[in-house]
Protein backbone atom coordinates (compact mmCIF):
# COMPACT_ATOMS: atom_id res chain seq x y z
CA UNK A 1 0.00 0.00 0.00
CA UNK A 2 1.35 3.44 -1.00
CA UNK A 3 2.27 6.02 1.68
CA UNK A 4 -1.01 7.63 2.70
CA UNK A 5 -1.97 10.48 5.03
CA UNK A 6 -5.54 11.52 5.84
CA UNK A 7 -6.10 15.01 7.19
CA UNK A 8 -8.96 16.96 8.68
CA UNK A 9 -10.51 19.90 6.77
CA UNK A 10 -8.06 22.53 5.59
CA UNK A 11 -9.84 25.74 6.51
CA UNK A 12 -6.71 26.58 8.52
CA UNK A 13 -4.24 24.62 6.40
CA UNK A 14 -1.88 22.12 8.00
CA UNK A 15 -0.73 20.70 4.68
CA UNK A 16 2.75 22.17 4.81
CA UNK A 17 3.55 20.42 8.09
CA UNK A 18 2.56 17.10 6.50
CA UNK A 19 4.69 17.69 3.40
CA UNK A 20 7.63 18.76 5.57
CA UNK A 21 7.29 15.65 7.75
CA UNK A 22 7.19 13.41 4.67
CA UNK A 23 10.16 15.32 3.17
CA UNK A 24 8.27 15.95 -0.07
CA UNK A 25 10.04 18.77 -1.91
CA UNK A 26 9.20 18.35 -5.60
CA UNK A 27 6.14 19.04 -7.72
CA UNK A 28 2.76 18.19 -6.21
CA UNK A 29 -0.10 16.96 -8.39
CA UNK A 30 -3.41 18.24 -7.00
CA UNK A 31 -6.96 16.98 -7.46
CA UNK A 32 -9.69 19.54 -6.77
CA UNK A 33 -12.49 18.02 -8.88
CA UNK A 34 -14.87 18.15 -5.91
CA UNK A 35 -14.76 21.94 -6.10
CA UNK A 36 -16.30 21.75 -9.62
CA UNK A 37 -16.50 25.33 -10.93
CA UNK A 38 -13.70 26.41 -8.53
CA UNK A 39 -11.46 23.57 -9.65
CA UNK A 40 -8.57 25.72 -10.91
CA UNK A 41 -8.30 27.83 -7.74
CA UNK A 42 -5.10 26.31 -6.34
CA UNK A 43 -3.11 29.50 -5.79
CA UNK A 44 -3.74 29.39 -2.04
CA UNK A 45 -2.53 25.78 -1.88
CA UNK A 46 0.54 26.65 -3.96
CA UNK A 47 1.37 29.61 -1.73
CA UNK A 48 0.83 27.62 1.47
CA UNK A 49 2.97 24.68 0.37
CA UNK A 50 5.78 26.72 -1.11
CA UNK A 51 6.16 24.01 -3.75
CA UNK A 52 5.17 23.70 -7.42
CA UNK A 53 1.52 22.55 -7.64
CA UNK A 54 -0.07 21.27 -10.86
CA UNK A 55 -3.85 20.84 -10.82
CA UNK A 56 -4.83 17.69 -12.70
CA UNK A 57 -8.17 19.35 -13.60
CA UNK A 58 -10.13 16.10 -13.41
CA UNK A 59 -13.55 17.73 -13.57
CA UNK A 60 -12.64 19.70 -16.69
CA UNK A 61 -10.94 16.67 -18.27
CA UNK A 62 -14.05 14.55 -17.81
CA UNK A 63 -16.19 17.27 -19.39
CA UNK A 64 -13.84 17.28 -22.39
CA UNK A 65 -14.05 13.48 -22.62
CA UNK A 66 -17.86 13.62 -22.46
CA UNK A 67 -17.92 16.27 -25.21
CA UNK A 68 -15.74 14.16 -27.53
CA UNK A 69 -17.36 10.81 -26.69
CA UNK A 70 -21.19 11.05 -26.82
CA UNK A 71 -21.60 7.34 -26.03
CA UNK A 72 -19.55 7.78 -22.84
CA UNK A 73 -21.64 10.76 -21.79
CA UNK A 74 -24.86 8.85 -22.43
CA UNK A 75 -23.71 5.80 -20.45
CA UNK A 76 -22.54 8.00 -17.59
CA UNK A 77 -25.80 9.93 -17.46
CA UNK A 78 -27.86 6.74 -17.46
CA UNK A 79 -25.77 5.30 -14.65
CA UNK A 80 -26.10 8.44 -12.53
CA UNK A 81 -29.87 8.60 -13.08
CA UNK A 82 -30.20 5.00 -11.97
CA UNK A 83 -28.00 5.53 -8.92
CA UNK A 84 -30.04 8.58 -7.85
CA UNK A 85 -33.28 6.58 -8.00
CA UNK A 86 -31.70 3.71 -6.07
CA UNK A 87 -30.49 6.13 -3.40
CA UNK A 88 -33.98 7.55 -2.94
CA UNK A 89 -35.47 4.08 -2.49
CA UNK A 90 -32.72 3.06 -0.06
CA UNK A 91 -33.21 6.27 1.92
CA UNK A 92 -36.96 5.59 2.08
CA UNK A 93 -36.37 2.14 3.59
CA UNK A 94 -33.68 3.49 5.92
CA UNK A 95 -36.09 6.05 7.40
CA UNK A 96 -38.36 3.25 8.63
CA UNK A 97 -35.56 1.03 9.99
CA UNK A 98 -33.20 3.36 11.79
CA UNK A 99 -35.59 4.96 14.28
CA UNK A 100 -36.51 1.66 16.04
CA UNK A 101 -32.79 0.86 16.36
CA UNK A 102 -32.18 4.27 17.92
CA UNK A 103 -35.07 3.91 20.36
CA UNK A 104 -34.08 0.38 21.38
CA UNK A 105 -30.63 1.63 22.40
CA UNK A 106 -32.21 4.05 24.87
CA UNK A 107 -34.30 1.39 26.63
CA UNK A 108 -33.15 -0.15 29.91
CA UNK A 109 -35.69 -2.82 30.92
CA UNK A 110 -34.80 -6.53 30.75
CA UNK A 111 -31.19 -6.03 29.53
CA UNK A 112 -30.67 -9.58 28.27
CA UNK A 113 -33.76 -9.60 26.07
CA UNK A 114 -33.16 -6.01 25.02
CA UNK A 115 -29.57 -6.72 23.93
CA UNK A 116 -30.76 -9.34 21.46
CA UNK A 117 -33.35 -6.96 20.00
CA UNK A 118 -30.81 -4.14 19.73
CA UNK A 119 -28.36 -6.34 17.87
CA UNK A 120 -31.11 -7.60 15.55
CA UNK A 121 -32.15 -4.04 14.70
CA UNK A 122 -28.55 -3.01 13.98
CA UNK A 123 -27.97 -6.18 11.93
CA UNK A 124 -31.01 -5.27 9.83
CA UNK A 125 -29.42 -1.87 9.09
CA UNK A 126 -26.17 -3.58 8.09
CA UNK A 127 -28.06 -5.87 5.71
CA UNK A 128 -29.84 -2.92 4.14
CA UNK A 129 -26.51 -1.11 3.67
CA UNK A 130 -24.84 -4.20 2.22
CA UNK A 131 -27.71 -4.94 -0.17
CA UNK A 132 -27.65 -1.34 -1.36
CA UNK A 133 -23.91 -1.55 -2.00
CA UNK A 134 -24.33 -4.81 -3.90
CA UNK A 135 -26.90 -3.21 -6.20
CA UNK A 136 -24.63 -0.20 -6.71
CA UNK A 137 -21.71 -2.49 -7.57
CA UNK A 138 -23.84 -4.18 -10.22
CA UNK A 139 -24.62 -0.80 -11.80
CA UNK A 140 -20.92 0.10 -11.85
CA UNK A 141 -20.01 -3.27 -13.40
CA UNK A 142 -22.56 -2.73 -16.16
CA UNK A 143 -21.14 0.74 -16.87
CA UNK A 144 -17.54 -0.53 -16.88
CA UNK A 145 -18.43 -3.34 -19.30
CA UNK A 146 -20.18 -0.88 -21.62
CA UNK A 147 -17.23 1.51 -21.87
CA UNK A 148 -14.61 -1.28 -21.95
CA UNK A 149 -16.14 -2.51 -25.20
CA UNK A 150 -15.82 0.92 -26.83
CA UNK A 151 -12.88 2.75 -28.39
CA UNK A 152 -12.73 6.06 -26.49
CA UNK A 153 -9.70 8.04 -27.72
CA UNK A 154 -10.88 11.23 -25.99
CA UNK A 155 -10.86 9.53 -22.59
CA UNK A 156 -7.54 7.81 -23.28
CA UNK A 157 -5.96 11.13 -24.23
CA UNK A 158 -6.95 12.62 -20.86
CA UNK A 159 -5.53 9.61 -19.04
CA UNK A 160 -2.25 9.85 -20.96
CA UNK A 161 -1.87 13.54 -20.08
CA UNK A 162 -2.55 12.80 -16.41
CA UNK A 163 -0.01 9.97 -16.41
CA UNK A 164 2.65 12.30 -17.80
CA UNK A 165 2.05 14.87 -15.03
CA UNK A 166 2.07 12.21 -12.31
CA UNK A 167 5.35 10.75 -13.55
CA UNK A 168 7.04 14.10 -12.89
CA UNK A 169 5.37 14.63 -9.49
CA UNK A 170 6.58 13.67 -6.04
CA UNK A 171 3.16 13.43 -4.33
CA UNK A 172 -0.58 13.53 -4.96
CA UNK A 173 -2.85 15.85 -2.95
CA UNK A 174 -6.62 15.17 -3.05
CA UNK A 175 -8.85 17.97 -1.76
CA UNK A 176 -12.46 17.86 -0.61
CA UNK A 177 -15.66 19.29 -2.04
CA UNK A 178 -18.61 17.33 -3.46
CA UNK A 179 -17.71 13.73 -2.69
CA UNK A 180 -19.87 12.11 -5.40
CA UNK A 181 -18.46 14.37 -8.13
CA UNK A 182 -14.92 13.76 -6.91
CA UNK A 183 -15.39 9.99 -6.69
CA UNK A 184 -16.93 9.75 -10.16
CA UNK A 185 -14.02 11.63 -11.75
CA UNK A 186 -11.39 9.64 -9.89
CA UNK A 187 -13.08 6.40 -10.94
CA UNK A 188 -13.71 7.34 -14.58
CA UNK A 189 -10.10 8.36 -15.18
CA UNK A 190 -8.62 5.43 -13.24
CA UNK A 191 -6.62 7.93 -11.25
CA UNK A 192 -5.27 5.75 -8.48
CA UNK A 193 -3.96 3.19 -10.98
CA UNK A 194 -2.20 6.01 -12.84
CA UNK A 195 -0.72 7.33 -9.57
CA UNK A 196 1.19 4.11 -8.87
CA UNK A 197 3.15 4.33 -5.60
CA UNK A 198 3.09 8.12 -5.25
CA UNK A 199 2.54 9.29 -1.66
CA UNK A 200 -1.06 10.48 -1.25
CA UNK A 201 -2.27 13.22 1.09
CA UNK A 202 -6.06 13.54 1.16
CA UNK A 203 -8.55 15.51 3.22
CA UNK A 204 -12.30 15.92 3.67
CA UNK A 205 -14.12 14.35 0.69
CA UNK A 206 -10.73 13.33 -0.68
CA UNK A 207 -10.17 11.12 2.37
CA UNK A 208 -13.71 9.72 2.11
CA UNK A 209 -13.33 8.78 -1.56
CA UNK A 210 -10.29 6.57 -0.93
CA UNK A 211 -11.99 4.24 1.57
CA UNK A 212 -14.06 1.10 1.11
CA UNK A 213 -17.43 2.83 1.27
CA UNK A 214 -18.79 6.38 1.25
CA UNK A 215 -21.09 7.26 4.14
CA UNK A 216 -22.92 10.60 4.21
CA UNK A 217 -23.68 11.84 7.71
CA UNK A 218 -25.13 14.85 9.50
CA UNK A 219 -27.09 14.46 12.72
CA UNK A 220 -28.69 17.91 12.47
CA UNK A 221 -29.02 18.91 8.79
CA UNK A 222 -31.00 22.00 7.73
CA UNK A 223 -33.45 19.59 6.11
CA UNK A 224 -33.94 15.84 6.04
CA UNK A 225 -33.96 13.16 8.70
CA UNK A 226 -30.31 13.31 9.74
CA UNK A 227 -29.71 9.61 9.10
CA UNK A 228 -26.24 8.43 8.10
CA UNK A 229 -26.57 6.80 4.68
CA UNK A 230 -24.31 4.69 2.51
CA UNK A 231 -23.80 6.44 -0.82
CA UNK A 232 -21.42 4.25 -2.80
CA UNK A 233 -18.31 2.12 -2.78
CA UNK A 234 -15.13 4.13 -2.41
CA UNK A 235 -11.93 3.39 -4.32
CA UNK A 236 -10.87 0.81 -1.72
CA UNK A 237 -7.33 2.10 -1.17
CA UNK A 238 -8.04 1.25 2.46
CA UNK A 239 -11.00 -0.59 3.98
CA UNK A 240 -10.41 -0.67 7.73
CA UNK A 241 -11.25 2.98 8.46
CA UNK A 242 -14.25 5.21 7.82
CA UNK A 243 -13.09 8.86 7.74
CA UNK A 244 -15.61 11.33 9.18
CA UNK A 245 -14.64 14.89 8.12
CA UNK A 246 -16.10 17.81 10.08
CA UNK A 247 -17.28 15.26 12.66
CA UNK A 248 -17.62 17.69 15.56
CA UNK A 249 -19.82 19.95 13.44
CA UNK A 250 -21.92 17.22 11.83
CA UNK A 251 -22.23 14.55 14.53
CA UNK A 252 -23.62 14.74 18.06
CA UNK A 253 -20.51 13.23 19.57
CA UNK A 254 -21.86 13.97 23.07
CA UNK A 255 -24.90 11.74 22.42
CA UNK A 256 -23.80 8.21 23.43
CA UNK A 257 -26.79 6.55 21.75
CA UNK A 258 -26.07 8.09 18.35
CA UNK A 259 -22.34 7.37 18.68
CA UNK A 260 -23.04 3.78 19.69
CA UNK A 261 -25.42 3.18 16.79
CA UNK A 262 -22.97 4.65 14.27
CA UNK A 263 -20.00 2.64 15.59
CA UNK A 264 -21.91 -0.65 15.83
CA UNK A 265 -23.64 -0.26 12.47
CA UNK A 266 -20.35 0.12 10.56
CA UNK A 267 -18.21 -2.24 12.67
CA UNK A 268 -15.66 -3.76 12.34
CA UNK A 269 -14.52 -0.71 10.35
CA UNK A 270 -13.20 1.95 12.72
CA UNK A 271 -15.03 5.28 12.41
CA UNK A 272 -12.46 8.10 12.72
CA UNK A 273 -13.49 11.74 13.23
CA UNK A 274 -11.21 14.04 11.24
CA UNK A 275 -11.48 17.66 12.27
CA UNK A 276 -9.21 20.64 11.66
CA UNK A 277 -5.63 19.83 12.62
CA UNK A 278 -6.16 16.05 12.69
CA UNK A 279 -3.79 13.76 10.81
CA UNK A 280 -3.38 9.99 10.57
CA UNK A 281 -0.94 8.05 8.39
CA UNK A 282 -0.46 4.57 7.00
CA UNK A 283 3.16 3.46 7.51
CA UNK A 284 2.92 0.29 5.44
CA UNK A 285 1.80 -1.87 8.36
CA UNK A 286 -0.36 0.25 10.66
CA UNK A 287 -2.40 3.41 10.92
CA UNK A 288 -0.57 5.90 13.14
CA UNK A 289 -2.03 9.09 14.59
CA UNK A 290 0.24 12.02 13.73
CA UNK A 291 -1.87 14.13 16.07
CA UNK A 292 -4.18 12.91 18.86
CA UNK A 293 -6.96 11.03 17.07
CA UNK A 294 -10.04 9.13 18.19
CA UNK A 295 -12.55 6.56 16.99
CA UNK A 296 -16.25 6.15 17.73
CA UNK A 297 -16.45 3.35 20.27
CA UNK A 298 -19.35 0.84 20.38
CA UNK A 299 -19.92 1.83 24.02
CA UNK A 300 -21.13 5.24 22.81
CA UNK A 301 -18.03 7.27 23.59
CA UNK A 302 -14.83 8.33 21.87
CA UNK A 303 -11.57 6.55 22.53
CA UNK A 304 -8.04 7.19 21.38
CA UNK A 305 -6.93 5.70 18.06
CA UNK A 306 -4.13 3.31 18.89
CA UNK A 307 -1.57 1.89 16.47
CA UNK A 308 -3.08 -1.35 15.16
């Protein structure tokens, strides 16, 4: 597994400390596709790092590929339409299943009987999540088979240009933004395969996209039910952690019942809050906290992330 560092949000950037610690001095390839219309705005990153930064412009490159390959655009649009409908249906089922699980965790009578019912309710949520992911995987396989059978020189040209930039870069930085947009562009261009063994530093949605699954979460959204929902498979660069950017703003970490449900629902994956200033790294064998880091514990509280 390539050197990998996951950071909290970069509102007050800590990137330079990470690059200094990793002794990365050469050109940095940046991915800001999640910013969409603000994709090219990397001057602040360039100034902060004090290193050459080349934006790979994934969002713009995909738009060029779509414009030159109508069949690719059509297949992509059909896939996204189908995924949106599937997400609505999954969310509809989730609304009916998650509230009983939440309420059962707050009950105290007859602990032995209650424990079995709590676990059954959480297991039902896991099954719903897993079934949803299986259906999503089937949609992605169908899309991949459709484009694999086509000659797409426009897409291949974009990949070749990206490969050339990455070969002259010393690290890859993946920023946040709209996680679905970012993930789609990373996946379509086969970015992580092109990156080879380059060290990767990712934050916010960038950290989410690299994991085994994407989970959207917000306990108190302006609208909606506030239920954590599985959105898609991630790129699978790692599978044993679930990064939770902006966790202190989006999760009620002082509510032990919500923390417990979240941790137990996604176990055995460790759910790791990543807030400003947080940093964890993969050293080839273990995840190591570069700064004090925590995980959501199944007992409903936070505990320190230990090397494991």
